[in-house]
Amino acid sequence: MINLRAMFASTIVFMLLAGCGQSANTPVAVPQASSSPPSVTVTYDGKRRKCVVALPSEAQGNTISCGDVAQFVKDELRVPSGSLYDIRTIPDVDEAEIARVCAGLNSAGYRLMGGSSAACAGVGSR
């Protein structure tokens, strides 16, 4: 009887603790220092018309459709909202596509690292 109660109590405690912590949608306070690296780097490959998304710890990133960048960063890479991102380009640059990527990341709560891309400058970051 004691074992049954102990298992029940342990299960309840575990379930309560599982609900604790920070949600993936909760903005994280990220320092504004320009020396801090971005949490994610997006490289627009103009020749292939694709975006390469990489975390700082990755030697190579993931090549995806540029329209899916914000969703990929949030859902697959699980980068917290409020984090910094950087935009890089490989020539033949499509400024409108880069602006759409920046707008998507900004609307998802990510912030452009200062002085990154001229194409993103007009989009405005949070």
C-alpha atoms as a PDB file:
ATOM      1  CA  MET A   1       0.000   0.000   0.000  1.00  0.00           C
ATOM      2  CA  ILE A   2       2.857   2.372   0.798  1.00  0.00           C
ATOM      3  CA  ASN A   3       4.488   1.657  -2.561  1.00  0.00           C
ATOM      4  CA  LEU A   4       1.277   2.535  -4.397  1.00  0.00           C
ATOM      5  CA  ARG A   5       0.993   5.836  -2.522  1.00  0.00           C
ATOM      6  CA  ALA A   6       4.667   6.619  -3.134  1.00  0.00           C
ATOM      7  CA  MET A   7       4.285   5.952  -6.872  1.00  0.00           C
ATOM      8  CA  PHE A   8       1.158   8.113  -7.044  1.00  0.00           C
ATOM      9  CA  ALA A   9       2.806  10.975  -5.123  1.00  0.00           C
ATOM     10  CA  SER A  10       5.942  10.763  -7.292  1.00  0.00           C
ATOM     11  CA  THR A  11       3.851  10.893 -10.449  1.00  0.00           C
ATOM     12  CA  ILE A  12       1.954  13.965  -9.247  1.00  0.00           C
ATOM     13  CA  VAL A  13       5.191  15.768  -8.274  1.00  0.00           C
ATOM     14  CA  PHE A  14       6.751  14.919 -11.644  1.00  0.00           C
ATOM     15  CA  MET A  15       3.699  16.248 -13.522  1.00  0.00           C
ATOM     16  CA  LEU A  16       3.761  19.477 -11.535  1.00  0.00           C
ATOM     17  CA  LEU A  17       7.473  19.989 -12.169  1.00  0.00           C
ATOM     18  CA  ALA A  18       7.084  19.266 -15.881  1.00  0.00           C
ATOM     19  CA  GLY A  19       4.909  22.365 -16.167  1.00  0.00           C
ATOM     20  CA  CYS A  20       7.621  24.583 -14.670  1.00  0.00           C
ATOM     21  CA  GLY A  21      10.149  26.394 -16.784  1.00  0.00           C
ATOM     22  CA  GLN A  22      10.227  28.763 -19.684  1.00  0.00           C
ATOM     23  CA  SER A  23       8.004  28.388 -22.708  1.00  0.00           C
ATOM     24  CA  ALA A  24       9.558  28.489 -26.194  1.00  0.00           C
ATOM     25  CA  ASN A  25       7.373  31.525 -26.919  1.00  0.00           C
ATOM     26  CA  THR A  26       8.535  33.522 -23.894  1.00  0.00           C
ATOM     27  CA  PRO A  27      10.975  36.284 -24.880  1.00  0.00           C
ATOM     28  CA  VAL A  28      14.410  35.968 -23.354  1.00  0.00           C
ATOM     29  CA  ALA A  29      16.418  38.945 -22.185  1.00  0.00           C
ATOM     30  CA  VAL A  30      19.401  39.039 -24.528  1.00  0.00           C
ATOM     31  CA  PRO A  31      22.248  41.440 -23.838  1.00  0.00           C
ATOM     32  CA  GLN A  32      22.513  44.328 -26.306  1.00  0.00           C
ATOM     33  CA  ALA A  33      26.304  44.237 -26.408  1.00  0.00           C
ATOM     34  CA  SER A  34      27.574  44.296 -29.968  1.00  0.00           C
ATOM     35  CA  SER A  35      30.258  41.791 -29.019  1.00  0.00           C
ATOM     36  CA  SER A  36      27.718  39.049 -28.282  1.00  0.00           C
ATOM     37  CA  PRO A  37      27.356  36.575 -31.148  1.00  0.00           C
ATOM     38  CA  PRO A  38      23.991  36.042 -32.839  1.00  0.00           C
ATOM     39  CA  SER A  39      21.914  33.058 -31.737  1.00  0.00           C
ATOM     40  CA  VAL A  40      21.292  32.129 -35.362  1.00  0.00           C
ATOM     41  CA  THR A  41      22.837  33.119 -38.689  1.00  0.00           C
ATOM     42  CA  VAL A  42      20.860  33.137 -41.933  1.00  0.00           C
ATOM     43  CA  THR A  43      22.865  33.139 -45.155  1.00  0.00           C
ATOM     44  CA  TYR A  44      20.923  34.005 -48.296  1.00  0.00           C
ATOM     45  CA  ASP A  45      22.378  32.046 -51.224  1.00  0.00           C
ATOM     46  CA  GLY A  46      21.411  34.129 -54.238  1.00  0.00           C
ATOM     47  CA  LYS A  47      22.658  31.599 -56.756  1.00  0.00           C
ATOM     48  CA  ARG A  48      20.448  28.755 -55.418  1.00  0.00           C
ATOM     49  CA  ARG A  49      17.651  31.053 -54.108  1.00  0.00           C
ATOM     50  CA  LYS A  50      17.750  29.249 -50.743  1.00  0.00           C
ATOM     51  CA  CYS A  51      18.619  30.199 -47.179  1.00  0.00           C
ATOM     52  CA  VAL A  52      21.157  28.421 -44.991  1.00  0.00           C
ATOM     53  CA  VAL A  53      20.245  28.634 -41.295  1.00  0.00           C
ATOM     54  CA  ALA A  54      22.912  27.820 -38.704  1.00  0.00           C
ATOM     55  CA  LEU A  55      23.433  27.955 -34.975  1.00  0.00           C
ATOM     56  CA  PRO A  56      26.843  29.217 -33.770  1.00  0.00           C
ATOM     57  CA  SER A  57      27.755  25.664 -32.737  1.00  0.00           C
ATOM     58  CA  GLU A  58      27.157  24.245 -36.230  1.00  0.00           C
ATOM     59  CA  ALA A  59      29.888  24.025 -38.875  1.00  0.00           C
ATOM     60  CA  GLN A  60      27.243  23.782 -41.606  1.00  0.00           C
ATOM     61  CA  GLY A  61      23.675  24.928 -41.413  1.00  0.00           C
ATOM     62  CA  ASN A  62      20.411  23.644 -42.833  1.00  0.00           C
ATOM     63  CA  THR A  63      19.446  24.664 -46.365  1.00  0.00           C
ATOM     64  CA  ILE A  64      15.754  25.533 -46.496  1.00  0.00           C
ATOM     65  CA  SER A  65      13.296  27.683 -48.404  1.00  0.00           C
ATOM     66  CA  CYS A  66      13.687  31.322 -47.382  1.00  0.00           C
ATOM     67  CA  GLY A  67       9.958  31.557 -46.700  1.00  0.00           C
ATOM     68  CA  ASP A  68      10.307  28.936 -43.954  1.00  0.00           C
ATOM     69  CA  VAL A  69      13.192  30.532 -42.028  1.00  0.00           C
ATOM     70  CA  ALA A  70      11.239  32.057 -39.117  1.00  0.00           C
ATOM     71  CA  GLN A  71       9.195  28.891 -38.523  1.00  0.00           C
ATOM     72  CA  PHE A  72      12.322  26.716 -38.767  1.00  0.00           C
ATOM     73  CA  VAL A  73      14.250  28.871 -36.265  1.00  0.00           C
ATOM     74  CA  LYS A  74      11.341  28.783 -33.814  1.00  0.00           C
ATOM     75  CA  ASP A  75      10.129  25.185 -34.172  1.00  0.00           C
ATOM     76  CA  GLU A  76      13.143  23.138 -35.261  1.00  0.00           C
ATOM     77  CA  LEU A  77      16.093  25.018 -33.782  1.00  0.00           C
ATOM     78  CA  ARG A  78      14.048  26.224 -30.780  1.00  0.00           C
ATOM     79  CA  VAL A  79      15.805  29.572 -30.596  1.00  0.00           C
ATOM     80  CA  PRO A  80      13.961  31.651 -27.966  1.00  0.00           C
ATOM     81  CA  SER A  81      12.027  34.713 -29.069  1.00  0.00           C
ATOM     82  CA  GLY A  82      14.025  37.892 -28.434  1.00  0.00           C
ATOM     83  CA  SER A  83      17.314  36.343 -29.565  1.00  0.00           C
ATOM     84  CA  LEU A  84      19.657  38.005 -32.039  1.00  0.00           C
ATOM     85  CA  TYR A  85      19.991  36.898 -35.657  1.00  0.00           C
ATOM     86  CA  ASP A  86      22.459  37.854 -38.369  1.00  0.00           C
ATOM     87  CA  ILE A  87      21.896  37.966 -42.128  1.00  0.00           C
ATOM     88  CA  ARG A  88      24.670  37.206 -44.611  1.00  0.00           C
ATOM     89  CA  THR A  89      24.492  37.007 -48.379  1.00  0.00           C
ATOM     90  CA  ILE A  90      26.103  35.115 -51.237  1.00  0.00           C
ATOM     91  CA  PRO A  91      25.744  37.082 -54.503  1.00  0.00           C
ATOM     92  CA  ASP A  92      23.154  37.461 -56.664  1.00  0.00           C
ATOM     93  CA  VAL A  93      21.205  39.087 -53.896  1.00  0.00           C
ATOM     94  CA  ASP A  94      17.435  39.494 -54.064  1.00  0.00           C
ATOM     95  CA  GLU A  95      16.849  42.405 -51.665  1.00  0.00           C
ATOM     96  CA  ALA A  96      13.082  41.776 -51.573  1.00  0.00           C
ATOM     97  CA  GLU A  97      13.592  38.144 -50.480  1.00  0.00           C
ATOM     98  CA  ILE A  98      16.026  39.188 -47.759  1.00  0.00           C
ATOM     99  CA  ALA A  99      13.547  41.818 -46.565  1.00  0.00           C
ATOM    100  CA  ARG A 100      10.831  39.114 -46.345  1.00  0.00           C
ATOM    101  CA  VAL A 101      13.136  36.864 -44.294  1.00  0.00           C
ATOM    102  CA  CYS A 102      13.925  39.753 -41.924  1.00  0.00           C
ATOM    103  CA  ALA A 103      10.250  40.691 -41.625  1.00  0.00           C
ATOM    104  CA  GLY A 104       9.339  37.086 -40.781  1.00  0.00           C
ATOM    105  CA  LEU A 105      12.045  36.829 -38.128  1.00  0.00           C
ATOM    106  CA  ASN A 106      11.131  40.231 -36.672  1.00  0.00           C
ATOM    107  CA  SER A 107       7.446  39.346 -36.469  1.00  0.00           C
ATOM    108  CA  ALA A 108       8.400  36.099 -34.678  1.00  0.00           C
ATOM    109  CA  GLY A 109      10.156  38.220 -32.028  1.00  0.00           C
ATOM    110  CA  TYR A 110      13.786  37.884 -33.155  1.00  0.00           C
ATOM    111  CA  ARG A 111      16.083  40.903 -33.344  1.00  0.00           C
ATOM    112  CA  LEU A 112      18.499  41.805 -36.118  1.00  0.00           C
ATOM    113  CA  MET A 113      22.080  42.096 -34.963  1.00  0.00           C
ATOM    114  CA  GLY A 114      23.169  45.713 -35.362  1.00  0.00           C
ATOM    115  CA  GLY A 115      24.641  46.722 -38.712  1.00  0.00           C
ATOM    116  CA  SER A 116      24.009  43.407 -40.439  1.00  0.00           C
ATOM    117  CA  SER A 117      22.275  43.792 -43.788  1.00  0.00           C
ATOM    118  CA  ALA A 118      21.235  46.909 -45.655  1.00  0.00           C
ATOM    119  CA  ALA A 119      18.206  44.995 -46.984  1.00  0.00           C
ATOM    120  CA  CYS A 120      16.967  44.456 -43.440  1.00  0.00           C
ATOM    121  CA  ALA A 121      17.587  48.024 -42.320  1.00  0.00           C
ATOM    122  CA  GLY A 122      14.282  49.228 -43.754  1.00  0.00           C
ATOM    123  CA  VAL A 123      12.333  46.356 -42.214  1.00  0.00           C
ATOM    124  CA  GLY A 124      12.943  47.408 -38.618  1.00  0.00           C
ATOM    125  CA  SER A 125      13.864  45.030 -35.842  1.00  0.00           C
ATOM    126  CA  ARG A 126      12.498  44.743 -32.325  1.00  0.00           C
END
